[in-house]
N, C-alpha and C. Protein backbone atom coordinates (compact mmCIF):
# COMPACT_ATOMS: atom_id res chain seq x y z
N MET A 1 0.85 -1.17 0.00
CA MET A 1 0.00 0.00 0.00
C MET A 1 0.89 1.24 0.00
N ASN A 2 0.60 2.18 -0.90
CA ASN A 2 1.46 3.36 -0.96
C ASN A 2 1.16 4.31 0.19
N ALA A 3 2.04 5.27 0.38
CA ALA A 3 1.97 6.17 1.54
C ALA A 3 0.72 7.05 1.51
N ARG A 4 0.32 7.49 0.33
CA ARG A 4 -0.84 8.36 0.23
C ARG A 4 -2.12 7.61 0.62
N LEU A 5 -2.29 6.41 0.14
CA LEU A 5 -3.47 5.62 0.50
C LEU A 5 -3.47 5.28 1.99
N ARG A 6 -2.31 4.99 2.52
CA ARG A 6 -2.19 4.70 3.95
C ARG A 6 -2.59 5.92 4.78
N ALA A 7 -2.26 7.11 4.32
CA ALA A 7 -2.62 8.34 5.04
C ALA A 7 -4.12 8.64 4.89
N LEU A 8 -4.71 8.29 3.74
CA LEU A 8 -6.13 8.56 3.50
C LEU A 8 -7.06 7.56 4.17
N LEU A 9 -6.61 6.34 4.36
CA LEU A 9 -7.47 5.25 4.82
C LEU A 9 -8.24 5.56 6.12
N PRO A 10 -7.60 6.06 7.18
CA PRO A 10 -8.37 6.33 8.40
C PRO A 10 -9.50 7.34 8.18
N TYR A 11 -9.24 8.38 7.40
CA TYR A 11 -10.25 9.40 7.16
C TYR A 11 -11.40 8.87 6.30
N LEU A 12 -11.07 8.00 5.35
CA LEU A 12 -12.12 7.39 4.54
C LEU A 12 -12.99 6.45 5.37
N LEU A 13 -12.36 5.69 6.27
CA LEU A 13 -13.12 4.79 7.14
C LEU A 13 -14.02 5.56 8.10
N VAL A 14 -13.50 6.63 8.69
CA VAL A 14 -14.31 7.44 9.61
C VAL A 14 -15.45 8.11 8.83
N LEU A 15 -15.18 8.58 7.63
CA LEU A 15 -16.22 9.20 6.81
C LEU A 15 -17.30 8.19 6.46
N ALA A 16 -16.93 6.96 6.12
CA ALA A 16 -17.92 5.92 5.83
C ALA A 16 -18.74 5.59 7.09
N GLY A 17 -18.08 5.48 8.24
CA GLY A 17 -18.79 5.23 9.49
C GLY A 17 -19.75 6.37 9.82
N ALA A 18 -19.33 7.61 9.59
CA ALA A 18 -20.19 8.76 9.84
C ALA A 18 -21.40 8.74 8.92
N ALA A 19 -21.21 8.31 7.68
CA ALA A 19 -22.34 8.23 6.74
C ALA A 19 -23.35 7.19 7.21
N VAL A 20 -22.89 6.05 7.66
CA VAL A 20 -23.79 5.00 8.16
C VAL A 20 -24.54 5.50 9.39
N LEU A 21 -23.82 6.11 10.33
CA LEU A 21 -24.47 6.60 11.54
C LEU A 21 -25.43 7.76 11.25
N ALA A 22 -25.10 8.60 10.28
CA ALA A 22 -26.00 9.70 9.90
C ALA A 22 -27.29 9.14 9.31
N TRP A 23 -27.18 8.10 8.50
CA TRP A 23 -28.38 7.46 7.94
C TRP A 23 -29.25 6.91 9.06
N LYS A 24 -28.61 6.29 10.05
CA LYS A 24 -29.36 5.76 11.21
C LYS A 24 -30.01 6.91 11.98
N ALA A 25 -29.30 8.02 12.17
CA ALA A 25 -29.84 9.16 12.92
C ALA A 25 -31.02 9.81 12.20
N MET A 26 -31.04 9.72 10.88
CA MET A 26 -32.16 10.30 10.13
C MET A 26 -33.42 9.46 10.25
N HIS A 27 -33.28 8.24 10.69
CA HIS A 27 -34.43 7.34 10.78
C HIS A 27 -34.78 6.98 12.22
N LEU A 28 -34.47 7.85 13.16
CA LEU A 28 -34.87 7.63 14.55
C LEU A 28 -36.37 7.87 14.66
N GLY A 29 -37.05 6.98 15.36
CA GLY A 29 -38.48 7.16 15.55
C GLY A 29 -38.75 7.87 16.87
N TYR A 30 -39.39 9.04 16.81
CA TYR A 30 -39.72 9.79 18.02
C TYR A 30 -40.88 10.72 17.71
N ALA A 31 -41.55 11.14 18.75
CA ALA A 31 -42.65 12.09 18.61
C ALA A 31 -42.13 13.48 18.97
N PRO A 32 -42.11 14.43 18.02
CA PRO A 32 -41.61 15.77 18.32
C PRO A 32 -42.45 16.46 19.40
N ARG A 33 -41.77 17.26 20.24
CA ARG A 33 -42.43 18.00 21.31
C ARG A 33 -42.29 19.49 21.07
N GLY A 34 -43.25 20.09 20.49
CA GLY A 34 -43.27 21.54 20.31
C GLY A 34 -42.03 22.08 19.62
N ASP A 35 -41.42 23.07 20.25
CA ASP A 35 -40.26 23.72 19.65
C ASP A 35 -38.93 23.14 20.12
N ARG A 36 -38.98 22.08 20.89
CA ARG A 36 -37.73 21.46 21.39
C ARG A 36 -37.13 20.56 20.32
N PRO A 37 -35.81 20.56 20.22
CA PRO A 37 -35.17 19.68 19.25
C PRO A 37 -35.32 18.21 19.66
N GLY A 38 -35.39 17.37 18.67
CA GLY A 38 -35.54 15.94 18.93
C GLY A 38 -34.21 15.29 19.27
N PRO A 39 -34.24 13.98 19.54
CA PRO A 39 -33.01 13.29 19.90
C PRO A 39 -32.05 13.09 18.74
N ASP A 40 -32.48 13.44 17.53
CA ASP A 40 -31.61 13.26 16.37
C ASP A 40 -30.75 14.48 16.07
N VAL A 41 -31.01 15.60 16.70
CA VAL A 41 -30.32 16.86 16.34
C VAL A 41 -28.83 16.80 16.65
N TRP A 42 -28.48 16.46 17.89
CA TRP A 42 -27.06 16.50 18.26
C TRP A 42 -26.24 15.42 17.58
N PRO A 43 -26.72 14.18 17.48
CA PRO A 43 -25.91 13.21 16.72
C PRO A 43 -25.69 13.64 15.27
N ARG A 44 -26.73 14.20 14.65
CA ARG A 44 -26.58 14.63 13.26
C ARG A 44 -25.60 15.80 13.15
N ALA A 45 -25.66 16.73 14.10
CA ALA A 45 -24.74 17.87 14.07
C ALA A 45 -23.29 17.42 14.26
N ILE A 46 -23.08 16.52 15.20
CA ILE A 46 -21.73 16.02 15.45
C ILE A 46 -21.22 15.23 14.26
N LEU A 47 -22.07 14.41 13.67
CA LEU A 47 -21.66 13.64 12.50
C LEU A 47 -21.38 14.55 11.30
N ALA A 48 -22.12 15.63 11.17
CA ALA A 48 -21.86 16.58 10.08
C ALA A 48 -20.49 17.24 10.27
N LEU A 49 -20.19 17.66 11.50
CA LEU A 49 -18.87 18.25 11.78
C LEU A 49 -17.75 17.24 11.56
N LEU A 50 -17.98 16.01 11.97
CA LEU A 50 -16.98 14.95 11.76
C LEU A 50 -16.75 14.72 10.28
N SER A 51 -17.83 14.72 9.49
CA SER A 51 -17.70 14.52 8.05
C SER A 51 -16.95 15.66 7.39
N VAL A 52 -17.26 16.89 7.78
CA VAL A 52 -16.56 18.05 7.21
C VAL A 52 -15.08 17.98 7.55
N THR A 53 -14.76 17.61 8.78
CA THR A 53 -13.36 17.49 9.18
C THR A 53 -12.64 16.45 8.33
N CYS A 54 -13.27 15.30 8.13
CA CYS A 54 -12.65 14.25 7.32
C CYS A 54 -12.46 14.69 5.87
N VAL A 55 -13.47 15.35 5.30
CA VAL A 55 -13.37 15.80 3.91
C VAL A 55 -12.25 16.83 3.76
N VAL A 56 -12.15 17.77 4.71
CA VAL A 56 -11.07 18.77 4.65
C VAL A 56 -9.71 18.09 4.71
N ARG A 57 -9.57 17.12 5.60
CA ARG A 57 -8.28 16.42 5.72
C ARG A 57 -7.98 15.59 4.47
N ILE A 58 -8.99 14.95 3.89
CA ILE A 58 -8.78 14.17 2.67
C ILE A 58 -8.34 15.08 1.53
N VAL A 59 -9.00 16.23 1.38
CA VAL A 59 -8.62 17.17 0.33
C VAL A 59 -7.20 17.68 0.54
N SER A 60 -6.84 17.97 1.79
CA SER A 60 -5.48 18.46 2.03
C SER A 60 -4.44 17.38 1.75
N LEU A 61 -4.76 16.13 2.03
CA LEU A 61 -3.82 15.05 1.72
C LEU A 61 -3.70 14.83 0.22
N LEU A 62 -4.81 14.97 -0.50
CA LEU A 62 -4.77 14.81 -1.95
C LEU A 62 -4.06 15.98 -2.65
N ALA A 63 -4.06 17.13 -2.02
CA ALA A 63 -3.43 18.31 -2.60
C ALA A 63 -1.92 18.34 -2.41
N ARG A 64 -1.41 17.48 -1.53
CA ARG A 64 0.03 17.42 -1.31
C ARG A 64 0.74 16.89 -2.54
N PRO A 65 1.99 17.29 -2.74
CA PRO A 65 2.75 16.73 -3.86
C PRO A 65 2.84 15.21 -3.74
N THR A 66 2.72 14.53 -4.88
CA THR A 66 2.73 13.06 -4.85
C THR A 66 4.12 12.51 -4.64
N ASP A 67 5.10 13.21 -5.12
CA ASP A 67 6.47 12.71 -5.03
C ASP A 67 7.14 13.29 -3.79
N THR A 68 7.52 12.43 -2.86
CA THR A 68 8.17 12.92 -1.65
C THR A 68 9.54 13.51 -1.96
N VAL A 69 10.16 13.01 -3.04
CA VAL A 69 11.45 13.57 -3.44
C VAL A 69 11.25 15.01 -3.91
N ALA A 70 10.19 15.25 -4.69
CA ALA A 70 9.91 16.61 -5.15
C ALA A 70 9.62 17.52 -3.96
N ALA A 71 8.87 17.01 -2.97
CA ALA A 71 8.59 17.81 -1.79
C ALA A 71 9.87 18.10 -1.02
N GLY A 72 10.77 17.12 -0.95
CA GLY A 72 12.05 17.32 -0.28
C GLY A 72 12.90 18.36 -0.99
N VAL A 73 12.91 18.32 -2.32
CA VAL A 73 13.65 19.30 -3.10
C VAL A 73 13.07 20.70 -2.88
N LEU A 74 11.74 20.78 -2.85
CA LEU A 74 11.09 22.07 -2.62
C LEU A 74 11.48 22.62 -1.25
N ASP A 75 11.44 21.78 -0.22
CA ASP A 75 11.86 22.22 1.11
C ASP A 75 13.31 22.67 1.11
N GLN A 76 14.16 21.94 0.37
CA GLN A 76 15.57 22.29 0.32
C GLN A 76 15.77 23.64 -0.38
N VAL A 77 15.03 23.89 -1.47
CA VAL A 77 15.15 25.15 -2.19
C VAL A 77 14.66 26.30 -1.32
N ILE A 78 13.50 26.10 -0.67
CA ILE A 78 12.97 27.14 0.20
C ILE A 78 13.90 27.34 1.39
N GLY A 79 14.43 26.25 1.93
CA GLY A 79 15.33 26.33 3.07
C GLY A 79 16.60 27.10 2.74
N ASP A 80 17.11 26.93 1.50
CA ASP A 80 18.31 27.66 1.10
C ASP A 80 18.04 29.15 0.96
N ALA A 81 16.79 29.50 0.67
CA ALA A 81 16.47 30.91 0.49
C ALA A 81 16.24 31.62 1.82
N LEU A 82 16.02 30.86 2.89
CA LEU A 82 15.76 31.47 4.19
C LEU A 82 17.06 31.85 4.88
N PRO A 83 17.06 32.95 5.62
CA PRO A 83 18.24 33.28 6.41
C PRO A 83 18.44 32.24 7.52
N ASP A 84 19.65 32.20 8.05
CA ASP A 84 19.99 31.20 9.06
C ASP A 84 19.09 31.29 10.29
N THR A 85 18.60 32.47 10.61
CA THR A 85 17.77 32.63 11.81
C THR A 85 16.39 31.99 11.65
N GLU A 86 15.93 31.78 10.40
CA GLU A 86 14.59 31.24 10.19
C GLU A 86 14.59 29.76 9.85
N ARG A 87 15.73 29.14 9.75
CA ARG A 87 15.76 27.74 9.31
C ARG A 87 15.16 26.79 10.31
N GLU A 88 15.72 26.71 11.49
CA GLU A 88 15.19 25.79 12.49
C GLU A 88 15.10 26.50 13.82
N VAL A 89 13.92 26.48 14.36
CA VAL A 89 13.69 27.08 15.66
C VAL A 89 13.52 25.94 16.65
N PRO A 90 14.34 25.92 17.69
CA PRO A 90 14.19 24.82 18.65
C PRO A 90 12.83 24.90 19.36
N VAL A 91 12.24 23.74 19.56
CA VAL A 91 10.94 23.66 20.21
C VAL A 91 11.13 23.84 21.71
N GLN A 92 10.37 24.79 22.27
CA GLN A 92 10.46 25.01 23.71
C GLN A 92 9.37 24.19 24.39
N ARG A 93 9.70 23.61 25.50
CA ARG A 93 8.74 22.84 26.28
C ARG A 93 8.60 23.50 27.65
N PHE A 94 7.37 23.49 28.15
CA PHE A 94 7.08 24.12 29.43
C PHE A 94 6.31 23.15 30.32
N PRO A 95 7.01 22.19 30.92
CA PRO A 95 6.30 21.19 31.73
C PRO A 95 5.61 21.79 32.96
N LEU A 96 6.17 22.84 33.54
CA LEU A 96 5.53 23.46 34.69
C LEU A 96 4.19 24.10 34.31
N LEU A 97 4.13 24.72 33.13
CA LEU A 97 2.88 25.28 32.66
C LEU A 97 1.85 24.19 32.37
N LEU A 98 2.30 23.07 31.85
CA LEU A 98 1.41 21.93 31.62
C LEU A 98 0.83 21.43 32.94
N LEU A 99 1.67 21.26 33.94
CA LEU A 99 1.19 20.82 35.25
C LEU A 99 0.24 21.84 35.87
N THR A 100 0.51 23.12 35.65
CA THR A 100 -0.38 24.17 36.14
C THR A 100 -1.74 24.07 35.46
N GLY A 101 -1.76 23.83 34.16
CA GLY A 101 -3.02 23.65 33.43
C GLY A 101 -3.81 22.46 33.94
N ILE A 102 -3.12 21.37 34.23
CA ILE A 102 -3.78 20.18 34.78
C ILE A 102 -4.36 20.49 36.15
N ALA A 103 -3.59 21.19 36.99
CA ALA A 103 -4.07 21.56 38.32
C ALA A 103 -5.27 22.50 38.23
N LEU A 104 -5.25 23.43 37.28
CA LEU A 104 -6.39 24.33 37.09
C LEU A 104 -7.64 23.56 36.68
N THR A 105 -7.48 22.56 35.84
CA THR A 105 -8.62 21.75 35.41
C THR A 105 -9.20 20.96 36.57
N VAL A 106 -8.34 20.39 37.40
CA VAL A 106 -8.81 19.66 38.59
C VAL A 106 -9.53 20.61 39.54
N ALA A 107 -8.98 21.80 39.74
CA ALA A 107 -9.61 22.79 40.61
C ALA A 107 -10.95 23.25 40.03
N TYR A 108 -11.03 23.39 38.71
CA TYR A 108 -12.28 23.79 38.05
C TYR A 108 -13.39 22.79 38.37
N VAL A 109 -13.10 21.53 38.22
CA VAL A 109 -14.10 20.49 38.50
C VAL A 109 -14.46 20.48 39.99
N ALA A 110 -13.45 20.63 40.84
CA ALA A 110 -13.69 20.59 42.29
C ALA A 110 -14.53 21.77 42.76
N LEU A 111 -14.36 22.94 42.16
CA LEU A 111 -15.06 24.15 42.60
C LEU A 111 -16.37 24.42 41.86
N LEU A 112 -16.73 23.57 40.93
CA LEU A 112 -17.92 23.80 40.11
C LEU A 112 -19.19 23.90 40.95
N GLY A 113 -19.34 23.04 41.94
CA GLY A 113 -20.53 23.07 42.78
C GLY A 113 -20.58 24.28 43.70
N THR A 114 -19.44 24.78 44.09
CA THR A 114 -19.38 25.93 45.00
C THR A 114 -19.54 27.25 44.26
N LEU A 115 -18.75 27.45 43.22
CA LEU A 115 -18.77 28.73 42.49
C LEU A 115 -19.89 28.81 41.46
N GLY A 116 -20.40 27.68 41.05
CA GLY A 116 -21.38 27.66 39.97
C GLY A 116 -20.69 27.68 38.63
N PHE A 117 -21.43 27.29 37.60
CA PHE A 117 -20.83 27.15 36.28
C PHE A 117 -20.23 28.45 35.76
N PHE A 118 -21.00 29.53 35.80
CA PHE A 118 -20.53 30.78 35.20
C PHE A 118 -19.28 31.32 35.90
N CYS A 119 -19.34 31.50 37.20
CA CYS A 119 -18.20 32.08 37.93
C CYS A 119 -16.97 31.20 37.83
N ASP A 120 -17.17 29.89 37.96
CA ASP A 120 -16.04 28.96 37.88
C ASP A 120 -15.42 28.97 36.49
N THR A 121 -16.26 29.05 35.45
CA THR A 121 -15.74 29.05 34.08
C THR A 121 -14.98 30.34 33.77
N VAL A 122 -15.47 31.47 34.28
CA VAL A 122 -14.76 32.74 34.08
C VAL A 122 -13.35 32.65 34.68
N VAL A 123 -13.27 32.20 35.92
CA VAL A 123 -11.97 32.09 36.60
C VAL A 123 -11.07 31.09 35.87
N TYR A 124 -11.64 29.96 35.47
CA TYR A 124 -10.87 28.90 34.80
C TYR A 124 -10.31 29.38 33.46
N VAL A 125 -11.17 29.97 32.63
CA VAL A 125 -10.71 30.44 31.32
C VAL A 125 -9.64 31.52 31.47
N ALA A 126 -9.87 32.47 32.38
CA ALA A 126 -8.88 33.53 32.59
C ALA A 126 -7.56 32.95 33.09
N ALA A 127 -7.63 32.02 34.03
CA ALA A 127 -6.40 31.41 34.56
C ALA A 127 -5.67 30.60 33.49
N LEU A 128 -6.42 29.89 32.65
CA LEU A 128 -5.76 29.12 31.57
C LEU A 128 -5.08 30.03 30.56
N ILE A 129 -5.76 31.11 30.20
CA ILE A 129 -5.16 32.04 29.24
C ILE A 129 -3.89 32.66 29.83
N ARG A 130 -3.95 33.04 31.09
CA ARG A 130 -2.79 33.64 31.75
C ARG A 130 -1.67 32.61 31.90
N THR A 131 -2.04 31.37 32.19
CA THR A 131 -1.03 30.30 32.29
C THR A 131 -0.36 30.07 30.94
N GLY A 132 -1.12 30.29 29.88
CA GLY A 132 -0.56 30.16 28.53
C GLY A 132 0.33 31.33 28.14
N ARG A 133 0.65 32.19 29.10
CA ARG A 133 1.60 33.28 28.96
C ARG A 133 1.07 34.46 28.14
N TYR A 134 -0.25 34.60 28.07
CA TYR A 134 -0.84 35.79 27.46
C TYR A 134 -0.94 36.85 28.53
N ARG A 135 -0.59 38.09 28.22
CA ARG A 135 -0.41 39.11 29.25
C ARG A 135 -1.43 40.24 29.25
N ARG A 136 -2.24 40.40 28.23
CA ARG A 136 -3.13 41.56 28.12
C ARG A 136 -4.43 41.30 28.88
N TRP A 137 -4.52 41.87 30.09
CA TRP A 137 -5.65 41.63 30.99
C TRP A 137 -6.99 42.02 30.42
N PRO A 138 -7.12 43.15 29.71
CA PRO A 138 -8.45 43.46 29.14
C PRO A 138 -8.94 42.36 28.19
N VAL A 139 -8.06 41.82 27.41
CA VAL A 139 -8.43 40.74 26.49
C VAL A 139 -8.77 39.47 27.27
N ILE A 140 -7.97 39.15 28.27
CA ILE A 140 -8.20 37.95 29.08
C ILE A 140 -9.57 38.02 29.74
N VAL A 141 -9.89 39.16 30.36
CA VAL A 141 -11.17 39.31 31.06
C VAL A 141 -12.33 39.25 30.07
N THR A 142 -12.19 39.91 28.93
CA THR A 142 -13.26 39.90 27.92
C THR A 142 -13.51 38.49 27.40
N VAL A 143 -12.46 37.78 27.05
CA VAL A 143 -12.61 36.42 26.53
C VAL A 143 -13.22 35.50 27.60
N ALA A 144 -12.79 35.64 28.84
CA ALA A 144 -13.32 34.80 29.91
C ALA A 144 -14.81 35.06 30.14
N LEU A 145 -15.21 36.33 30.20
CA LEU A 145 -16.61 36.66 30.43
C LEU A 145 -17.51 36.27 29.26
N VAL A 146 -17.10 36.64 28.05
CA VAL A 146 -17.91 36.32 26.87
C VAL A 146 -17.94 34.81 26.64
N GLY A 147 -16.81 34.15 26.83
CA GLY A 147 -16.78 32.69 26.66
C GLY A 147 -17.66 31.97 27.64
N ALA A 148 -17.62 32.37 28.91
CA ALA A 148 -18.46 31.73 29.93
C ALA A 148 -19.94 31.98 29.65
N LEU A 149 -20.27 33.20 29.24
CA LEU A 149 -21.67 33.49 28.88
C LEU A 149 -22.13 32.67 27.68
N ALA A 150 -21.26 32.54 26.69
CA ALA A 150 -21.61 31.75 25.50
C ALA A 150 -21.81 30.29 25.87
N PHE A 151 -20.90 29.73 26.67
CA PHE A 151 -21.05 28.33 27.10
C PHE A 151 -22.33 28.16 27.91
N MET A 152 -22.60 29.09 28.80
CA MET A 152 -23.80 29.01 29.63
C MET A 152 -25.06 29.04 28.76
N PHE A 153 -25.08 29.94 27.78
CA PHE A 153 -26.23 30.04 26.89
C PHE A 153 -26.42 28.75 26.09
N VAL A 154 -25.35 28.26 25.50
CA VAL A 154 -25.45 27.05 24.67
C VAL A 154 -25.87 25.85 25.51
N PHE A 155 -25.18 25.63 26.63
CA PHE A 155 -25.47 24.44 27.42
C PHE A 155 -26.84 24.49 28.09
N MET A 156 -27.24 25.66 28.59
CA MET A 156 -28.48 25.73 29.35
C MET A 156 -29.69 26.07 28.49
N LYS A 157 -29.53 26.88 27.48
CA LYS A 157 -30.67 27.33 26.67
C LYS A 157 -30.90 26.44 25.45
N ILE A 158 -29.83 26.00 24.82
CA ILE A 158 -29.97 25.23 23.59
C ILE A 158 -29.94 23.72 23.87
N VAL A 159 -28.98 23.28 24.66
CA VAL A 159 -28.82 21.85 24.92
C VAL A 159 -29.69 21.39 26.09
N TYR A 160 -30.19 22.31 26.88
CA TYR A 160 -31.05 22.02 28.04
C TYR A 160 -30.33 21.22 29.12
N LEU A 161 -29.08 21.57 29.40
CA LEU A 161 -28.36 20.94 30.50
C LEU A 161 -28.59 21.74 31.77
N SER A 162 -28.72 21.04 32.86
CA SER A 162 -28.84 21.70 34.15
C SER A 162 -27.44 21.80 34.74
N LEU A 163 -26.92 23.02 34.79
CA LEU A 163 -25.57 23.24 35.30
C LEU A 163 -25.64 23.77 36.72
N PRO A 164 -24.61 23.51 37.53
CA PRO A 164 -24.63 24.00 38.91
C PRO A 164 -24.62 25.52 38.96
N ILE A 165 -25.46 26.07 39.85
CA ILE A 165 -25.50 27.53 39.99
C ILE A 165 -24.62 28.00 41.13
N GLY A 166 -24.14 27.08 41.96
CA GLY A 166 -23.25 27.43 43.06
C GLY A 166 -24.00 27.76 44.33
N VAL A 167 -23.25 28.18 45.32
CA VAL A 167 -23.82 28.58 46.61
C VAL A 167 -23.75 30.10 46.70
N ALA A 168 -24.50 30.67 47.65
CA ALA A 168 -24.51 32.13 47.82
C ALA A 168 -23.09 32.61 48.10
N PRO A 169 -22.65 33.69 47.56
CA PRO A 169 -23.28 34.69 46.72
C PRO A 169 -23.18 34.37 45.23
N PHE A 170 -22.51 33.28 44.88
CA PHE A 170 -22.32 32.94 43.47
C PHE A 170 -23.62 32.53 42.80
N ALA A 171 -24.53 31.93 43.57
CA ALA A 171 -25.83 31.53 43.03
C ALA A 171 -26.62 32.75 42.57
N THR A 172 -26.45 33.86 43.27
CA THR A 172 -27.14 35.09 42.89
C THR A 172 -26.70 35.55 41.50
N VAL A 173 -25.39 35.48 41.25
CA VAL A 173 -24.86 35.85 39.93
C VAL A 173 -25.41 34.92 38.87
N SER A 174 -25.37 33.62 39.13
CA SER A 174 -25.86 32.63 38.17
C SER A 174 -27.34 32.83 37.86
N LEU A 175 -28.15 33.01 38.90
CA LEU A 175 -29.59 33.19 38.69
C LEU A 175 -29.90 34.47 37.94
N ALA A 176 -29.17 35.55 38.23
CA ALA A 176 -29.38 36.82 37.52
C ALA A 176 -29.03 36.67 36.04
N LEU A 177 -27.94 35.98 35.75
CA LEU A 177 -27.55 35.77 34.35
C LEU A 177 -28.54 34.86 33.63
N MET A 178 -29.02 33.85 34.33
CA MET A 178 -30.03 32.96 33.72
C MET A 178 -31.29 33.75 33.37
N GLN A 179 -31.70 34.64 34.26
CA GLN A 179 -32.89 35.46 33.98
C GLN A 179 -32.61 36.39 32.81
N LEU A 180 -31.42 36.98 32.77
CA LEU A 180 -31.03 37.89 31.69
C LEU A 180 -31.02 37.18 30.34
N LEU A 181 -30.55 35.93 30.33
CA LEU A 181 -30.45 35.16 29.09
C LEU A 181 -31.75 34.42 28.75
N GLY A 182 -32.74 34.51 29.61
CA GLY A 182 -34.01 33.85 29.34
C GLY A 182 -33.98 32.35 29.56
N ILE A 183 -33.16 31.92 30.50
CA ILE A 183 -33.03 30.49 30.80
C ILE A 183 -33.92 30.19 32.01
N ARG A 184 -34.75 29.17 31.88
CA ARG A 184 -35.65 28.79 32.98
C ARG A 184 -35.19 27.55 33.65
């Protein structure tokens, strides 16, 4: 089996599996309830995203040069044109930041019941961005607040998940935001 087919095979198999599962999801028997989405909506949405991802990857693999020697020559020609400072950049690793991210995730899960989904997510997203060495606080705060609100809206209003609201005074914030967003 040649290298190109070997690289394409997993994506073709996943795409075929997604097609079979999508066909099954289209034929689910259920009685619709008013304006609420049925049980087929999320599987179909996920399968559609999975299919798009596979198609994009298949197209990108097919668009690559077929001859690895030609690709190597192209890299060599481009590499010769680059100044010495741009040729190879050593990869930096930050194990302490990785461990900090893991600890933040554990703390996020542990504090979810106390702080509530919104407050805990704001703190978690802001802490993760800062741990990732981003320094602009106005951007960090904006992304954390807007991201937590977006997650809250999607999970509670669209997906109908019951998320923890936390204990006082955090429950007050959660309940006020739920009322503002029209979440019951």
